[in-house]
Amino acid sequence: QVQLVESGGGLVQTGGSLRLSCAASGRSFSSYAMDWLRQAPGKEREFVARVIWIGGGTLYADPVKGRFTISRDNAKRTVYLQMNSLKPEDTAVYYCASRAAGTSEYNYWGQGTQVTVSS
């Protein structure tokens, strides 16, 4: 049984930092890339960042460019999201999700972790 388990969320003041982790488990885990997405209250879920397992290529949404850094540890099957210079508009539930090769669909989702940035 594959699981994605997120951790690292919490409450931080504007300008602060948090580091989210997403650890994958399960023998059948298969993934081409990992995304972080977020959903704020009353808003649609939105893409934040992507990292490709092989090669480490990354992609960021414009609102987080220069502030967030996504990385991965292949040996630990863990993906990280370092979030710096946090703003109140970054407040959301953050999800990690796995993308399978050759598809735009997500094959696994984490349970989500709350990030709250106070002004």
N, C-alpha and C. Protein backbone atom coordinates (compact mmCIF):
# COMPACT_ATOMS: atom_id res chain seq x y z
N GLN A 1 0.84 -1.19 0.00
CA GLN A 1 0.00 0.00 0.00
C GLN A 1 0.88 1.24 0.00
N VAL A 2 0.67 2.09 -0.98
CA VAL A 2 1.47 3.31 -1.10
C VAL A 2 0.89 4.42 -0.26
N GLN A 3 1.75 5.13 0.44
CA GLN A 3 1.33 6.28 1.22
C GLN A 3 2.29 7.44 0.98
N LEU A 4 1.72 8.63 0.95
CA LEU A 4 2.50 9.86 0.97
C LEU A 4 2.17 10.57 2.27
N VAL A 5 3.17 10.82 3.08
CA VAL A 5 2.95 11.41 4.39
C VAL A 5 3.68 12.74 4.46
N GLU A 6 2.89 13.80 4.65
CA GLU A 6 3.46 15.15 4.73
C GLU A 6 3.69 15.52 6.19
N SER A 7 4.65 16.40 6.38
CA SER A 7 4.91 16.95 7.71
C SER A 7 5.56 18.31 7.56
N GLY A 8 5.59 19.06 8.66
CA GLY A 8 6.31 20.32 8.66
C GLY A 8 5.45 21.57 8.63
N GLY A 9 4.16 21.42 8.51
CA GLY A 9 3.30 22.59 8.50
C GLY A 9 3.23 23.22 9.88
N GLY A 10 2.61 24.40 9.94
CA GLY A 10 2.46 25.07 11.22
C GLY A 10 2.10 26.53 11.05
N LEU A 11 2.26 27.26 12.15
CA LEU A 11 1.95 28.69 12.19
C LEU A 11 3.26 29.47 12.21
N VAL A 12 3.36 30.47 11.33
CA VAL A 12 4.57 31.27 11.25
C VAL A 12 4.18 32.71 10.96
N GLN A 13 5.02 33.64 11.36
CA GLN A 13 4.76 35.05 11.09
C GLN A 13 5.20 35.41 9.68
N THR A 14 4.64 36.49 9.18
CA THR A 14 5.04 37.01 7.87
C THR A 14 6.56 37.19 7.83
N GLY A 15 7.14 36.71 6.74
CA GLY A 15 8.59 36.79 6.58
C GLY A 15 9.33 35.57 7.10
N GLY A 16 8.62 34.69 7.78
CA GLY A 16 9.24 33.50 8.33
C GLY A 16 9.42 32.39 7.32
N SER A 17 9.90 31.26 7.82
CA SER A 17 10.19 30.11 6.96
C SER A 17 9.61 28.84 7.54
N LEU A 18 9.30 27.91 6.65
CA LEU A 18 8.89 26.57 7.02
C LEU A 18 9.45 25.60 6.00
N ARG A 19 9.66 24.37 6.42
CA ARG A 19 10.10 23.33 5.50
C ARG A 19 9.13 22.16 5.58
N LEU A 20 8.48 21.88 4.47
CA LEU A 20 7.57 20.75 4.39
C LEU A 20 8.30 19.53 3.85
N SER A 21 7.89 18.37 4.33
CA SER A 21 8.43 17.10 3.84
C SER A 21 7.28 16.22 3.38
N CYS A 22 7.59 15.38 2.41
CA CYS A 22 6.62 14.41 1.91
C CYS A 22 7.37 13.11 1.67
N ALA A 23 7.07 12.10 2.48
CA ALA A 23 7.76 10.83 2.39
C ALA A 23 6.86 9.78 1.77
N ALA A 24 7.39 9.08 0.78
CA ALA A 24 6.63 8.03 0.10
C ALA A 24 7.01 6.67 0.67
N SER A 25 6.01 5.82 0.86
CA SER A 25 6.26 4.45 1.32
C SER A 25 5.40 3.50 0.52
N GLY A 26 5.80 2.24 0.54
CA GLY A 26 5.07 1.23 -0.20
C GLY A 26 5.90 0.67 -1.33
N ARG A 27 5.92 -0.65 -1.43
CA ARG A 27 6.79 -1.31 -2.41
C ARG A 27 6.38 -0.99 -3.84
N SER A 28 5.12 -0.71 -4.07
CA SER A 28 4.66 -0.49 -5.44
C SER A 28 4.70 0.97 -5.84
N PHE A 29 5.33 1.81 -5.03
CA PHE A 29 5.37 3.24 -5.35
C PHE A 29 6.13 3.45 -6.66
N SER A 30 5.46 4.12 -7.60
CA SER A 30 6.06 4.43 -8.89
C SER A 30 5.71 5.87 -9.23
N SER A 31 6.72 6.65 -9.59
CA SER A 31 6.48 8.08 -9.76
C SER A 31 7.50 8.66 -10.72
N TYR A 32 7.04 9.59 -11.55
CA TYR A 32 7.93 10.34 -12.45
C TYR A 32 8.34 11.66 -11.83
N ALA A 33 7.39 12.29 -11.16
CA ALA A 33 7.65 13.59 -10.56
C ALA A 33 6.75 13.77 -9.35
N MET A 34 7.14 14.72 -8.51
CA MET A 34 6.32 15.04 -7.34
C MET A 34 5.96 16.52 -7.38
N ASP A 35 4.70 16.77 -7.12
CA ASP A 35 4.20 18.14 -7.07
C ASP A 35 3.82 18.51 -5.64
N TRP A 36 3.97 19.79 -5.35
CA TRP A 36 3.31 20.38 -4.18
C TRP A 36 2.18 21.27 -4.73
N LEU A 37 1.02 21.13 -4.13
CA LEU A 37 -0.14 21.96 -4.45
C LEU A 37 -0.66 22.52 -3.15
N ARG A 38 -1.50 23.55 -3.24
CA ARG A 38 -2.09 24.13 -2.04
C ARG A 38 -3.51 24.56 -2.31
N GLN A 39 -4.28 24.60 -1.25
CA GLN A 39 -5.66 25.05 -1.34
C GLN A 39 -5.98 25.94 -0.16
N ALA A 40 -6.29 27.19 -0.46
CA ALA A 40 -6.68 28.15 0.56
C ALA A 40 -8.19 28.09 0.74
N PRO A 41 -8.70 28.52 1.89
CA PRO A 41 -10.15 28.49 2.12
C PRO A 41 -10.91 29.24 1.03
N GLY A 42 -11.91 28.60 0.47
CA GLY A 42 -12.75 29.23 -0.53
C GLY A 42 -12.12 29.35 -1.90
N LYS A 43 -10.95 28.76 -2.09
CA LYS A 43 -10.26 28.86 -3.37
C LYS A 43 -10.01 27.48 -3.95
N GLU A 44 -9.73 27.47 -5.26
CA GLU A 44 -9.40 26.21 -5.93
C GLU A 44 -7.99 25.77 -5.54
N ARG A 45 -7.77 24.47 -5.62
CA ARG A 45 -6.43 23.95 -5.40
C ARG A 45 -5.52 24.45 -6.52
N GLU A 46 -4.30 24.85 -6.18
CA GLU A 46 -3.39 25.37 -7.18
C GLU A 46 -2.01 24.73 -7.08
N PHE A 47 -1.37 24.67 -8.23
CA PHE A 47 -0.02 24.12 -8.32
C PHE A 47 0.98 25.08 -7.68
N VAL A 48 1.96 24.49 -6.97
CA VAL A 48 3.00 25.30 -6.33
C VAL A 48 4.37 25.02 -6.94
N ALA A 49 4.75 23.74 -6.98
CA ALA A 49 6.09 23.41 -7.46
C ALA A 49 6.15 21.95 -7.85
N ARG A 50 7.13 21.61 -8.69
CA ARG A 50 7.34 20.22 -9.15
C ARG A 50 8.83 19.92 -9.17
N VAL A 51 9.13 18.66 -8.85
CA VAL A 51 10.49 18.16 -9.01
C VAL A 51 10.41 16.78 -9.66
N ILE A 52 11.30 16.55 -10.60
CA ILE A 52 11.38 15.27 -11.29
C ILE A 52 12.39 14.39 -10.57
N TRP A 53 12.03 13.14 -10.32
CA TRP A 53 12.90 12.26 -9.53
C TRP A 53 14.25 12.07 -10.20
N ILE A 54 14.23 11.78 -11.50
CA ILE A 54 15.48 11.54 -12.23
C ILE A 54 15.93 12.85 -12.85
N GLY A 55 17.08 13.33 -12.40
CA GLY A 55 17.61 14.58 -12.94
C GLY A 55 17.34 15.80 -12.08
N GLY A 56 16.25 15.77 -11.32
CA GLY A 56 15.99 16.85 -10.38
C GLY A 56 15.45 18.13 -10.99
N GLY A 57 14.97 18.08 -12.24
CA GLY A 57 14.41 19.28 -12.83
C GLY A 57 13.25 19.82 -12.01
N THR A 58 13.11 21.14 -11.97
CA THR A 58 12.08 21.76 -11.15
C THR A 58 11.24 22.75 -11.94
N LEU A 59 10.08 23.04 -11.39
CA LEU A 59 9.15 24.00 -11.98
C LEU A 59 8.42 24.68 -10.84
N TYR A 60 8.20 25.98 -10.96
CA TYR A 60 7.54 26.74 -9.90
C TYR A 60 6.40 27.59 -10.45
N ALA A 61 5.39 27.76 -9.62
CA ALA A 61 4.35 28.72 -9.94
C ALA A 61 4.90 30.13 -9.71
N ASP A 62 4.43 31.08 -10.48
CA ASP A 62 4.95 32.44 -10.39
C ASP A 62 4.88 33.04 -8.98
N PRO A 63 3.79 32.83 -8.23
CA PRO A 63 3.70 33.47 -6.91
C PRO A 63 4.77 33.02 -5.91
N VAL A 64 5.42 31.89 -6.16
CA VAL A 64 6.38 31.38 -5.18
C VAL A 64 7.82 31.41 -5.70
N LYS A 65 8.01 31.79 -6.95
CA LYS A 65 9.36 31.83 -7.51
C LYS A 65 10.25 32.76 -6.71
N GLY A 66 11.45 32.26 -6.41
CA GLY A 66 12.40 33.06 -5.64
C GLY A 66 12.23 32.96 -4.14
N ARG A 67 11.11 32.38 -3.69
CA ARG A 67 10.87 32.24 -2.25
C ARG A 67 10.83 30.78 -1.81
N PHE A 68 10.30 29.91 -2.66
CA PHE A 68 10.17 28.49 -2.34
C PHE A 68 11.20 27.69 -3.13
N THR A 69 11.69 26.62 -2.52
CA THR A 69 12.61 25.71 -3.20
C THR A 69 12.16 24.28 -2.98
N ILE A 70 11.96 23.56 -4.07
CA ILE A 70 11.58 22.16 -3.98
C ILE A 70 12.84 21.32 -4.22
N SER A 71 12.96 20.23 -3.47
CA SER A 71 14.10 19.33 -3.64
C SER A 71 13.65 17.91 -3.32
N ARG A 72 14.53 16.96 -3.65
CA ARG A 72 14.16 15.57 -3.36
C ARG A 72 15.39 14.79 -2.92
N ASP A 73 15.12 13.73 -2.15
CA ASP A 73 16.13 12.77 -1.74
C ASP A 73 15.65 11.42 -2.26
N ASN A 74 16.26 10.98 -3.36
CA ASN A 74 15.77 9.75 -3.99
C ASN A 74 15.91 8.54 -3.07
N ALA A 75 17.01 8.47 -2.34
CA ALA A 75 17.25 7.32 -1.47
C ALA A 75 16.18 7.21 -0.39
N LYS A 76 15.72 8.36 0.10
CA LYS A 76 14.70 8.37 1.15
C LYS A 76 13.29 8.45 0.57
N ARG A 77 13.20 8.62 -0.76
CA ARG A 77 11.90 8.79 -1.42
C ARG A 77 11.11 9.92 -0.75
N THR A 78 11.80 10.99 -0.52
CA THR A 78 11.22 12.13 0.19
C THR A 78 11.44 13.41 -0.63
N VAL A 79 10.41 14.22 -0.62
CA VAL A 79 10.45 15.51 -1.31
C VAL A 79 10.26 16.61 -0.26
N TYR A 80 10.95 17.72 -0.48
CA TYR A 80 10.90 18.82 0.47
C TYR A 80 10.43 20.09 -0.23
N LEU A 81 9.82 20.96 0.55
CA LEU A 81 9.48 22.29 0.06
C LEU A 81 9.96 23.29 1.11
N GLN A 82 11.04 23.98 0.80
CA GLN A 82 11.55 25.02 1.67
C GLN A 82 10.84 26.32 1.31
N MET A 83 10.15 26.88 2.28
CA MET A 83 9.36 28.08 2.04
C MET A 83 9.93 29.23 2.86
N ASN A 84 10.44 30.24 2.18
CA ASN A 84 11.01 31.42 2.83
C ASN A 84 10.19 32.66 2.51
N SER A 85 10.42 33.70 3.27
CA SER A 85 9.71 34.98 3.05
C SER A 85 8.21 34.76 2.92
N LEU A 86 7.67 34.02 3.83
CA LEU A 86 6.25 33.65 3.75
C LEU A 86 5.35 34.86 3.92
N LYS A 87 4.23 34.83 3.21
CA LYS A 87 3.25 35.91 3.21
C LYS A 87 1.91 35.35 3.67
N PRO A 88 1.02 36.20 4.17
CA PRO A 88 -0.31 35.72 4.58
C PRO A 88 -1.04 35.00 3.44
N GLU A 89 -0.81 35.40 2.21
CA GLU A 89 -1.49 34.76 1.08
C GLU A 89 -0.94 33.36 0.79
N ASP A 90 0.12 32.95 1.48
CA ASP A 90 0.60 31.57 1.37
C ASP A 90 -0.17 30.63 2.29
N THR A 91 -1.02 31.17 3.13
CA THR A 91 -1.82 30.35 4.04
C THR A 91 -2.71 29.41 3.24
N ALA A 92 -2.59 28.11 3.53
CA ALA A 92 -3.34 27.10 2.79
C ALA A 92 -3.02 25.73 3.38
N VAL A 93 -3.79 24.74 2.93
CA VAL A 93 -3.41 23.35 3.15
C VAL A 93 -2.52 22.95 1.98
N TYR A 94 -1.35 22.43 2.30
CA TYR A 94 -0.38 22.04 1.27
C TYR A 94 -0.42 20.51 1.11
N TYR A 95 -0.49 20.09 -0.14
CA TYR A 95 -0.54 18.67 -0.47
C TYR A 95 0.65 18.30 -1.36
N CYS A 96 1.19 17.12 -1.14
CA CYS A 96 2.12 16.58 -2.12
C CYS A 96 1.36 15.53 -2.93
N ALA A 97 1.76 15.40 -4.17
CA ALA A 97 1.10 14.45 -5.06
C ALA A 97 2.13 13.91 -6.06
N SER A 98 1.93 12.66 -6.42
CA SER A 98 2.85 11.99 -7.35
C SER A 98 2.25 11.94 -8.75
N ARG A 99 3.10 12.21 -9.72
CA ARG A 99 2.70 12.10 -11.12
C ARG A 99 3.38 10.87 -11.71
N ALA A 100 2.58 10.03 -12.34
CA ALA A 100 3.14 8.86 -13.01
C ALA A 100 3.70 9.27 -14.37
N ALA A 101 4.64 8.47 -14.86
CA ALA A 101 5.23 8.76 -16.16
C ALA A 101 4.17 8.63 -17.26
N GLY A 102 4.25 9.51 -18.25
CA GLY A 102 3.39 9.40 -19.42
C GLY A 102 1.96 9.83 -19.21
N THR A 103 1.68 10.53 -18.12
CA THR A 103 0.32 10.96 -17.86
C THR A 103 0.33 12.29 -17.13
N SER A 104 -0.74 13.03 -17.25
CA SER A 104 -0.87 14.28 -16.50
C SER A 104 -1.67 14.08 -15.22
N GLU A 105 -2.03 12.83 -14.96
CA GLU A 105 -2.82 12.54 -13.77
C GLU A 105 -1.92 12.28 -12.57
N TYR A 106 -2.50 12.50 -11.39
CA TYR A 106 -1.80 12.16 -10.16
C TYR A 106 -2.18 10.74 -9.74
N ASN A 107 -1.20 9.94 -9.37
CA ASN A 107 -1.51 8.58 -8.95
C ASN A 107 -1.55 8.41 -7.44
N TYR A 108 -0.94 9.31 -6.70
CA TYR A 108 -0.99 9.26 -5.24
C TYR A 108 -1.04 10.69 -4.67
N TRP A 109 -1.75 10.80 -3.53
CA TRP A 109 -1.88 12.09 -2.84
C TRP A 109 -1.53 11.92 -1.37
N GLY A 110 -0.94 12.98 -0.80
CA GLY A 110 -0.78 13.03 0.63
C GLY A 110 -2.05 13.55 1.29
N GLN A 111 -2.05 13.56 2.60
CA GLN A 111 -3.25 13.94 3.36
C GLN A 111 -3.36 15.44 3.54
N GLY A 112 -2.28 16.17 3.31
CA GLY A 112 -2.29 17.62 3.46
C GLY A 112 -1.73 18.05 4.79
N THR A 113 -1.10 19.22 4.79
CA THR A 113 -0.59 19.81 6.02
C THR A 113 -0.88 21.31 5.99
N GLN A 114 -1.36 21.81 7.13
CA GLN A 114 -1.79 23.21 7.20
C GLN A 114 -0.60 24.14 7.39
N VAL A 115 -0.55 25.18 6.59
CA VAL A 115 0.42 26.26 6.75
C VAL A 115 -0.36 27.54 6.97
N THR A 116 -0.09 28.21 8.07
CA THR A 116 -0.77 29.47 8.39
C THR A 116 0.28 30.55 8.61
N VAL A 117 0.15 31.64 7.86
CA VAL A 117 1.08 32.75 7.98
C VAL A 117 0.32 33.94 8.56
N SER A 118 0.74 34.38 9.71
CA SER A 118 0.05 35.49 10.38
C SER A 118 0.69 36.81 9.98
N SER A 119 -0.18 37.84 9.91
CA SER A 119 0.33 39.16 9.51
C SER A 119 0.73 39.99 10.71
